[in-house]
C-alpha atoms as a PDB file:
ATOM      1  CA  MET A   1    -135.736 -34.817 -20.302  1.00  0.00           C
ATOM      2  CA  PHE A   2    -134.347 -31.548 -21.662  1.00  0.00           C
ATOM      3  CA  SER A   3    -137.526 -29.848 -20.527  1.00  0.00           C
ATOM      4  CA  THR A   4    -136.948 -31.201 -17.048  1.00  0.00           C
ATOM      5  CA  LEU A   5    -133.249 -30.074 -17.005  1.00  0.00           C
ATOM      6  CA  ARG A   6    -134.213 -26.689 -18.394  1.00  0.00           C
ATOM      7  CA  ASN A   7    -136.834 -26.217 -15.829  1.00  0.00           C
ATOM      8  CA  ARG A   8    -134.529 -27.292 -12.982  1.00  0.00           C
ATOM      9  CA  PHE A   9    -131.178 -25.599 -13.999  1.00  0.00           C
ATOM     10  CA  GLY A  10    -132.283 -23.061 -16.615  1.00  0.00           C
ATOM     11  CA  ILE A  11    -130.648 -22.726 -20.028  1.00  0.00           C
ATOM     12  CA  PRO A  12    -127.216 -21.704 -18.685  1.00  0.00           C
ATOM     13  CA  GLY A  13    -127.091 -24.612 -16.346  1.00  0.00           C
ATOM     14  CA  VAL A  14    -127.996 -27.023 -19.141  1.00  0.00           C
ATOM     15  CA  ILE A  15    -125.218 -25.676 -21.315  1.00  0.00           C
ATOM     16  CA  SER A  16    -122.717 -26.139 -18.487  1.00  0.00           C
ATOM     17  CA  VAL A  17    -123.697 -29.756 -17.937  1.00  0.00           C
ATOM     18  CA  ILE A  18    -123.425 -30.506 -21.673  1.00  0.00           C
ATOM     19  CA  ALA A  19    -119.960 -28.929 -21.801  1.00  0.00           C
ATOM     20  CA  LEU A  20    -118.836 -30.979 -18.847  1.00  0.00           C
ATOM     21  CA  VAL A  21    -119.983 -34.195 -20.440  1.00  0.00           C
ATOM     22  CA  PHE A  22    -118.151 -33.466 -23.719  1.00  0.00           C
ATOM     23  CA  ALA A  23    -114.984 -32.625 -21.852  1.00  0.00           C
ATOM     24  CA  MET A  24    -115.034 -35.931 -19.985  1.00  0.00           C
ATOM     25  CA  VAL A  25    -115.769 -37.935 -23.070  1.00  0.00           C
ATOM     26  CA  GLY A  26    -113.036 -36.170 -25.108  1.00  0.00           C
ATOM     27  CA  GLY A  27    -110.390 -36.700 -22.449  1.00  0.00           C
ATOM     28  CA  ALA A  28    -111.129 -40.420 -22.241  1.00  0.00           C
ATOM     29  CA  PHE A  29    -110.932 -40.709 -26.023  1.00  0.00           C
ATOM     30  CA  ALA A  30    -107.620 -38.986 -26.167  1.00  0.00           C
ATOM     31  CA  ALA A  31    -106.213 -41.247 -23.441  1.00  0.00           C
ATOM     32  CA  ASN A  32    -107.381 -44.425 -25.159  1.00  0.00           C
ATOM     33  CA  ASN A  33    -106.538 -43.581 -28.754  1.00  0.00           C
ATOM     34  CA  LEU A  34    -103.384 -41.569 -28.534  1.00  0.00           C
ATOM     35  CA  GLY A  35    -101.430 -44.003 -26.212  1.00  0.00           C
ATOM     36  CA  ASP A  36     -97.709 -43.549 -26.571  1.00  0.00           C
ATOM     37  CA  SER A  37     -98.054 -40.673 -29.005  1.00  0.00           C
ATOM     38  CA  GLY A  38     -99.034 -38.491 -26.108  1.00  0.00           C
ATOM     39  CA  LYS A  39     -95.835 -39.299 -24.299  1.00  0.00           C
ATOM     40  CA  SER A  40     -93.817 -38.472 -27.417  1.00  0.00           C
ATOM     41  CA  ALA A  41     -95.445 -35.128 -27.635  1.00  0.00           C
ATOM     42  CA  THR A  42     -94.485 -34.366 -24.057  1.00  0.00           C
ATOM     43  CA  ALA A  43     -90.842 -35.449 -24.638  1.00  0.00           C
ATOM     44  CA  SER A  44     -90.657 -33.370 -27.781  1.00  0.00           C
ATOM     45  CA  ALA A  45     -91.836 -30.391 -25.881  1.00  0.00           C
ATOM     46  CA  LYS A  46     -89.092 -30.932 -23.343  1.00  0.00           C
ATOM     47  CA  LYS A  47     -86.416 -31.185 -26.103  1.00  0.00           C
ATOM     48  CA  ALA A  48     -87.337 -27.934 -27.692  1.00  0.00           C
ATOM     49  CA  ALA A  49     -84.382 -25.570 -28.609  1.00  0.00           C
ATOM     50  CA  LYS A  50     -83.010 -23.324 -25.864  1.00  0.00           C
ATOM     51  CA  GLY A  51     -83.215 -19.617 -26.130  1.00  0.00           C
ATOM     52  CA  PRO A  52     -80.071 -17.417 -26.664  1.00  0.00           C
ATOM     53  CA  ARG A  53     -77.527 -17.198 -23.745  1.00  0.00           C
ATOM     54  CA  GLY A  54     -77.595 -14.001 -21.829  1.00  0.00           C
ATOM     55  CA  PRO A  55     -74.480 -11.785 -21.340  1.00  0.00           C
ATOM     56  CA  ARG A  56     -71.716 -12.873 -18.823  1.00  0.00           C
ATOM     57  CA  GLY A  57     -72.129 -11.358 -15.423  1.00  0.00           C
ATOM     58  CA  ALA A  58     -69.440  -9.212 -13.732  1.00  0.00           C
ATOM     59  CA  THR A  59     -66.536 -11.003 -11.933  1.00  0.00           C
ATOM     60  CA  GLY A  60     -67.093 -11.282  -8.248  1.00  0.00           C
ATOM     61  CA  PRO A  61     -64.537 -10.005  -5.617  1.00  0.00           C
ATOM     62  CA  ALA A  62     -61.463 -12.170  -4.826  1.00  0.00           C
ATOM     63  CA  GLY A  63     -61.860 -14.488  -1.911  1.00  0.00           C
ATOM     64  CA  PRO A  64     -59.546 -14.298   1.161  1.00  0.00           C
ATOM     65  CA  ALA A  65     -56.047 -15.847   0.870  1.00  0.00           C
ATOM     66  CA  GLY A  66     -55.771 -19.364   2.102  1.00  0.00           C
ATOM     67  CA  ALA A  67     -53.399 -20.453   4.894  1.00  0.00           C
ATOM     68  CA  ALA A  68     -49.751 -21.178   3.876  1.00  0.00           C
ATOM     69  CA  GLY A  69     -48.994 -24.804   3.305  1.00  0.00           C
ATOM     70  CA  PRO A  70     -46.180 -26.656   5.182  1.00  0.00           C
ATOM     71  CA  ALA A  71     -42.583 -26.150   3.935  1.00  0.00           C
ATOM     72  CA  GLY A  72     -41.342 -28.790   1.567  1.00  0.00           C
ATOM     73  CA  PRO A  73     -38.154 -30.842   2.211  1.00  0.00           C
ATOM     74  CA  ALA A  74     -34.747 -29.330   1.217  1.00  0.00           C
ATOM     75  CA  GLY A  75     -33.614 -30.203  -2.254  1.00  0.00           C
ATOM     76  CA  ALA A  76     -30.373 -32.055  -3.010  1.00  0.00           C
ATOM     77  CA  LYS A  77     -27.139 -29.985  -3.331  1.00  0.00           C
ATOM     78  CA  GLY A  78     -26.510 -28.984  -6.875  1.00  0.00           C
ATOM     79  CA  ASP A  79     -23.259 -29.536  -8.779  1.00  0.00           C
ATOM     80  CA  ALA A  80     -20.558 -26.817  -8.723  1.00  0.00           C
ATOM     81  CA  GLY A  81     -20.870 -24.336 -11.506  1.00  0.00           C
ATOM     82  CA  ALA A  82     -18.171 -23.805 -14.105  1.00  0.00           C
ATOM     83  CA  ASN A  83     -15.518 -21.112 -13.522  1.00  0.00           C
ATOM     84  CA  GLY A  84     -16.362 -17.756 -14.954  1.00  0.00           C
ATOM     85  CA  SER A  85     -14.213 -16.129 -17.595  1.00  0.00           C
ATOM     86  CA  ASN A  86     -11.452 -13.670 -16.632  1.00  0.00           C
ATOM     87  CA  GLY A  87     -12.442 -10.047 -16.356  1.00  0.00           C
ATOM     88  CA  ALA A  88     -11.052  -7.355 -18.593  1.00  0.00           C
ATOM     89  CA  PRO A  89      -7.663  -5.832 -17.554  1.00  0.00           C
ATOM     90  CA  GLY A  90      -7.919  -2.729 -15.355  1.00  0.00           C
ATOM     91  CA  LYS A  91      -6.798   0.694 -16.430  1.00  0.00           C
ATOM     92  CA  ASP A  92      -3.220   1.836 -15.838  1.00  0.00           C
ATOM     93  CA  GLY A  93      -2.673   3.981 -12.737  1.00  0.00           C
ATOM     94  CA  THR A  94      -1.587   7.576 -12.945  1.00  0.00           C
ATOM     95  CA  VAL A  95       2.098   8.448 -12.828  1.00  0.00           C
ATOM     96  CA  GLY A  96       3.280   9.739  -9.441  1.00  0.00           C
ATOM     97  CA  LYS A  97       4.947  13.056  -8.850  1.00  0.00           C
ATOM     98  CA  ASP A  98       8.692  13.416  -9.166  1.00  0.00           C
ATOM     99  CA  GLY A  99      10.600  12.913  -5.917  1.00  0.00           C
ATOM    100  CA  VAL A 100      12.750  15.569  -4.286  1.00  0.00           C
ATOM    101  CA  SER A 101      16.450  15.329  -5.096  1.00  0.00           C
ATOM    102  CA  VAL A 102      18.752  14.953  -2.087  1.00  0.00           C
ATOM    103  CA  THR A 103      22.490  15.629  -1.864  1.00  0.00           C
ATOM    104  CA  VAL A 104      24.627  14.103   0.901  1.00  0.00           C
ATOM    105  CA  ASN A 105      27.972  15.677   1.832  1.00  0.00           C
ATOM    106  CA  GLU A 106      30.402  14.254   4.380  1.00  0.00           C
ATOM    107  CA  PHE A 107      32.343  16.659   6.596  1.00  0.00           C
ATOM    108  CA  GLU A 108      34.730  16.701   9.538  1.00  0.00           C
ATOM    109  CA  GLY A 109      33.810  18.176  12.900  1.00  0.00           C
ATOM    110  CA  VAL A 110      32.756  21.810  12.503  1.00  0.00           C
ATOM    111  CA  GLY A 111      32.119  22.719  16.141  1.00  0.00           C
ATOM    112  CA  GLY A 112      28.633  23.694  17.280  1.00  0.00           C
ATOM    113  CA  THR A 113      26.955  21.603  14.565  1.00  0.00           C
ATOM    114  CA  CYS A 114      28.645  18.209  14.742  1.00  0.00           C
ATOM    115  CA  ASP A 115      31.778  18.152  16.881  1.00  0.00           C
ATOM    116  CA  GLU A 116      32.511  14.583  15.845  1.00  0.00           C
ATOM    117  CA  GLY A 117      31.784  15.157  12.128  1.00  0.00           C
ATOM    118  CA  GLY A 118      28.956  13.586  10.119  1.00  0.00           C
ATOM    119  CA  ILE A 119      26.977  14.179   6.920  1.00  0.00           C
ATOM    120  CA  GLU A 120      25.021  17.151   5.571  1.00  0.00           C
ATOM    121  CA  VAL A 121      21.761  16.457   3.684  1.00  0.00           C
ATOM    122  CA  GLU A 122      20.554  19.039   1.155  1.00  0.00           C
ATOM    123  CA  SER A 123      17.074  18.909  -0.402  1.00  0.00           C
ATOM    124  CA  ALA A 124      14.291  21.238  -1.474  1.00  0.00           C
ATOM    125  CA  SER A 125      14.156  22.488   2.105  1.00  0.00           C
ATOM    126  CA  PRO A 126      15.846  25.899   2.456  1.00  0.00           C
ATOM    127  CA  GLU A 127      17.929  24.689   5.419  1.00  0.00           C
ATOM    128  CA  PRO A 128      20.243  21.632   5.203  1.00  0.00           C
ATOM    129  CA  ALA A 129      19.927  18.819   7.722  1.00  0.00           C
ATOM    130  CA  TYR A 130      22.888  17.390   9.624  1.00  0.00           C
ATOM    131  CA  VAL A 131      23.439  13.800  10.743  1.00  0.00           C
ATOM    132  CA  CYS A 132      26.225  13.775  13.334  1.00  0.00           C
ATOM    133  CA  SER A 133      28.599  10.914  13.999  1.00  0.00           C
ATOM    134  CA  GLY A 134      28.301   9.319  17.439  1.00  0.00           C
ATOM    135  CA  LYS A 135      30.786   9.897  20.255  1.00  0.00           C
ATOM    136  CA  PRO A 136      32.764   7.041  21.850  1.00  0.00           C
ATOM    137  CA  GLY A 137      30.817   5.277  24.555  1.00  0.00           C
ATOM    138  CA  SER A 138      31.642   5.620  28.259  1.00  0.00           C
ATOM    139  CA  PRO A 139      32.448   3.068  29.554  1.00  0.00           C
ATOM    140  CA  TRP A 140      33.703   1.414  26.402  1.00  0.00           C
ATOM    141  CA  VAL A 141      32.137  -1.618  24.847  1.00  0.00           C
ATOM    142  CA  ALA A 142      33.160  -4.971  26.370  1.00  0.00           C
ATOM    143  CA  GLY A 143      35.509  -6.876  24.113  1.00  0.00           C
ATOM    144  CA  GLY A 144      37.582  -3.790  23.273  1.00  0.00           C
ATOM    145  CA  THR A 145      40.513  -2.178  25.083  1.00  0.00           C
ATOM    146  CA  LEU A 146      40.766   0.957  27.201  1.00  0.00           C
ATOM    147  CA  PRO A 147      41.640   3.894  24.901  1.00  0.00           C
ATOM    148  CA  SER A 148      44.941   5.641  25.583  1.00  0.00           C
ATOM    149  CA  GLY A 149      44.731   8.303  28.316  1.00  0.00           C
ATOM    150  CA  GLU A 150      41.338   7.053  29.623  1.00  0.00           C
ATOM    151  CA  THR A 151      40.997   6.062  33.305  1.00  0.00           C
ATOM    152  CA  LEU A 152      39.117   3.306  35.160  1.00  0.00           C
ATOM    153  CA  ILE A 153      38.507   3.449  38.948  1.00  0.00           C
ATOM    154  CA  GLY A 154      37.254   0.960  41.537  1.00  0.00           C
ATOM    155  CA  ALA A 155      37.368  -0.243  45.160  1.00  0.00           C
ATOM    156  CA  TRP A 156      39.307  -3.015  46.902  1.00  0.00           C
ATOM    157  CA  GLY A 157      39.479  -4.581  50.384  1.00  0.00           C
ATOM    158  CA  GLY A 158      40.286  -7.797  52.242  1.00  0.00           C
ATOM    159  CA  VAL A 159      40.612  -9.515  55.656  1.00  0.00           C
ATOM    160  CA  VAL A 160      43.675 -11.454  56.842  1.00  0.00           C
ATOM    161  CA  GLY A 161      42.838 -15.086  57.624  1.00  0.00           C
ATOM    162  CA  GLU A 162      44.295 -17.701  60.024  1.00  0.00           C
ATOM    163  CA  ALA A 163      47.221 -18.162  57.648  1.00  0.00           C
ATOM    164  CA  GLU A 164      48.061 -14.500  58.341  1.00  0.00           C
ATOM    165  CA  PHE A 165      47.735 -13.399  54.743  1.00  0.00           C
ATOM    166  CA  ALA A 166      45.058 -12.625  52.116  1.00  0.00           C
ATOM    167  CA  PHE A 167      44.948 -12.055  48.358  1.00  0.00           C
ATOM    168  CA  VAL A 168      42.694  -9.187  47.208  1.00  0.00           C
ATOM    169  CA  PRO A 169      41.994  -9.067  43.453  1.00  0.00           C
ATOM    170  CA  ILE A 170      41.665  -5.845  41.412  1.00  0.00           C
ATOM    171  CA  SER A 171      39.872  -6.302  38.062  1.00  0.00           C
ATOM    172  CA  PHE A 172      39.914  -3.588  35.398  1.00  0.00           C
ATOM    173  CA  GLY A 173      36.841  -4.869  33.521  1.00  0.00           C
ATOM    174  CA  ILE A 174      38.178  -3.363  30.266  1.00  0.00           C
ATOM    175  CA  PRO A 175      41.734  -4.513  29.578  1.00  0.00           C
ATOM    176  CA  LEU A 176      44.686  -2.296  28.733  1.00  0.00           C
ATOM    177  CA  THR A 177      46.748  -2.595  25.585  1.00  0.00           C
ATOM    178  CA  SER A 178      49.829  -3.340  27.761  1.00  0.00           C
ATOM    179  CA  ASN A 179      50.700  -3.903  31.443  1.00  0.00           C
ATOM    180  CA  ALA A 180      50.677  -0.909  33.801  1.00  0.00           C
ATOM    181  CA  SER A 181      53.242  -0.046  36.527  1.00  0.00           C
ATOM    182  CA  ASN A 182      51.820  -0.722  40.032  1.00  0.00           C
ATOM    183  CA  HIS A 183      52.052   1.635  43.029  1.00  0.00           C
ATOM    184  CA  PHE A 184      50.612   2.209  46.497  1.00  0.00           C
ATOM    185  CA  ALA A 185      49.845   5.888  47.047  1.00  0.00           C
ATOM    186  CA  PRO A 186      51.314   8.268  47.871  1.00  0.00           C
ATOM    187  CA  ASN A 187      53.443   8.111  44.747  1.00  0.00           C
ATOM    188  CA  PRO A 188      54.514  10.719  42.127  1.00  0.00           C
ATOM    189  CA  ASN A 189      52.483   8.787  39.519  1.00  0.00           C
ATOM    190  CA  CYS A 190      49.367   8.819  41.747  1.00  0.00           C
ATOM    191  CA  PRO A 191      48.040  12.422  41.891  1.00  0.00           C
ATOM    192  CA  GLY A 192      44.669  11.483  43.398  1.00  0.00           C
ATOM    193  CA  THR A 193      43.248  10.750  46.850  1.00  0.00           C
ATOM    194  CA  PRO A 194      41.395   7.764  48.392  1.00  0.00           C
ATOM    195  CA  THR A 195      38.086   9.540  47.726  1.00  0.00           C
ATOM    196  CA  ASN A 196      39.091  10.773  44.244  1.00  0.00           C
ATOM    197  CA  PRO A 197      41.600   8.234  42.860  1.00  0.00           C
ATOM    198  CA  ALA A 198      43.720   9.076  39.813  1.00  0.00           C
ATOM    199  CA  ALA A 199      46.749   7.669  37.967  1.00  0.00           C
ATOM    200  CA  GLU A 200      49.148   8.858  35.293  1.00  0.00           C
ATOM    201  CA  PRO A 201      48.991   7.099  31.869  1.00  0.00           C
ATOM    202  CA  GLY A 202      50.474   3.585  32.094  1.00  0.00           C
ATOM    203  CA  HIS A 203      50.125   3.335  35.910  1.00  0.00           C
ATOM    204  CA  LEU A 204      47.911   1.525  38.472  1.00  0.00           C
ATOM    205  CA  CYS A 205      47.577   3.414  41.785  1.00  0.00           C
ATOM    206  CA  VAL A 206      46.203   1.699  44.925  1.00  0.00           C
ATOM    207  CA  TYR A 207      44.902   4.023  47.674  1.00  0.00           C
ATOM    208  CA  VAL A 208      44.433   2.859  51.296  1.00  0.00           C
ATOM    209  CA  THR A 209      41.412   4.296  53.049  1.00  0.00           C
ATOM    210  CA  GLY A 210      41.746   2.275  56.267  1.00  0.00           C
ATOM    211  CA  SER A 211      43.662  -0.681  57.752  1.00  0.00           C
ATOM    212  CA  GLU A 212      44.217  -2.544  61.053  1.00  0.00           C
ATOM    213  CA  ASN A 213      46.679  -5.211  62.112  1.00  0.00           C
ATOM    214  CA  VAL A 214      48.377  -5.092  58.721  1.00  0.00           C
ATOM    215  CA  GLY A 215      52.151  -4.389  58.728  1.00  0.00           C
ATOM    216  CA  GLU A 216      53.216  -1.048  57.334  1.00  0.00           C
ATOM    217  CA  SER A 217      55.837  -2.804  55.261  1.00  0.00           C
ATOM    218  CA  VAL A 218      53.024  -4.519  53.334  1.00  0.00           C
ATOM    219  CA  ILE A 219      51.937  -1.223  51.844  1.00  0.00           C
ATOM    220  CA  GLY A 220      54.574  -1.167  49.128  1.00  0.00           C
ATOM    221  CA  SER A 221      54.853  -1.803  45.432  1.00  0.00           C
ATOM    222  CA  GLU A 222      56.318  -5.264  46.019  1.00  0.00           C
ATOM    223  CA  TYR A 223      52.954  -6.326  47.477  1.00  0.00           C
ATOM    224  CA  ILE A 224      51.009  -5.747  44.231  1.00  0.00           C
ATOM    225  CA  THR A 225      51.217  -8.674  41.809  1.00  0.00           C
ATOM    226  CA  PRO A 226      50.384  -7.847  38.143  1.00  0.00           C
ATOM    227  CA  THR A 227      48.074 -10.365  36.462  1.00  0.00           C
ATOM    228  CA  GLY A 228      48.418  -8.904  32.973  1.00  0.00           C
ATOM    229  CA  VAL A 229      46.462  -6.238  31.105  1.00  0.00           C
ATOM    230  CA  GLY A 230      43.235  -7.129  32.996  1.00  0.00           C
ATOM    231  CA  GLY A 231      44.139  -6.356  36.618  1.00  0.00           C
ATOM    232  CA  ALA A 232      46.360  -7.072  39.639  1.00  0.00           C
ATOM    233  CA  ILE A 233      46.321  -8.679  43.122  1.00  0.00           C
ATOM    234  CA  VAL A 234      47.048  -6.931  46.446  1.00  0.00           C
ATOM    235  CA  ASN A 235      48.847  -9.175  48.956  1.00  0.00           C
ATOM    236  CA  LEU A 236      47.957  -8.548  52.616  1.00  0.00           C
ATOM    237  CA  GLU A 237      49.978  -9.878  55.563  1.00  0.00           C
ATOM    238  CA  GLY A 238      49.203  -9.385  59.241  1.00  0.00           C
ATOM    239  CA  SER A 239      47.449 -10.821  62.287  1.00  0.00           C
ATOM    240  CA  PRO A 240      44.343 -12.954  61.803  1.00  0.00           C
ATOM    241  CA  GLY A 241      41.360 -10.623  61.450  1.00  0.00           C
ATOM    242  CA  GLY A 242      43.472  -7.746  60.208  1.00  0.00           C
ATOM    243  CA  TYR A 243      42.109  -5.874  57.243  1.00  0.00           C
ATOM    244  CA  ALA A 244      42.743  -3.110  54.704  1.00  0.00           C
ATOM    245  CA  PHE A 245      40.534  -1.385  52.121  1.00  0.00           C
ATOM    246  CA  GLY A 246      40.568   1.570  49.745  1.00  0.00           C
ATOM    247  CA  ALA A 247      40.257   2.663  46.104  1.00  0.00           C
ATOM    248  CA  TRP A 248      42.273   2.248  42.905  1.00  0.00           C
ATOM    249  CA  ALA A 249      42.704   3.951  39.535  1.00  0.00           C
ATOM    250  CA  VAL A 250      44.405   2.854  36.306  1.00  0.00           C
ATOM    251  CA  THR A 251      45.053   4.987  33.200  1.00  0.00           C
ATOM    252  CA  ALA A 252      45.755   3.398  29.812  1.00  0.00           C
ATOM    253  CA  PRO A 253      49.201   4.181  28.335  1.00  0.00           C
END
């Protein structure tokens, strides 16, 4: 048979066939005889020790920031904190400068500076300052009396009614200290005129500017009725519709 194989395949071909046969026979033997031991060998190979770990790689770049999450609910109000301790006292302030001394001198009227008198104030200023007393008011304050020698003036007038008489009041406004003597002008105690009335001290002078249907005898002192230190009343008599008017002046005694 070998001669036949050698002749057909040659020596190399024969060797190849023989090798193939042994390989098939050996594999079948190993499968039948080894059984589970073959599986153990494979598992052992898989459980062999790992090789050494390689070095850690470089850190990669940071990823993009994520979207902001929704806001959480408000927390409960906390308790009030304890009072803090008092601070340290502050430093004392600096002392102020000395004030300027002032001298006040009273004086009577000196003419040109304070005719009515006043006070003189002296200080560090080279020139003194003057505070003058006030002058009496004109007219005088209500509630007082007319100073002696001072004069009040006014107007009067009235119309005679159906009863053929009229009462015309004259009010001084500022009373006298005592009653005045009453006169119709012209009179020695009445040096003025109807447009510029005047009276001597202690006298009331009534001036007539115009009249009609009033008897001449009415214009006399007996037709002025004193009402006290505050005025007087002029009594007119005549025909209904008659009238008289004018000015008056009174000077305090």
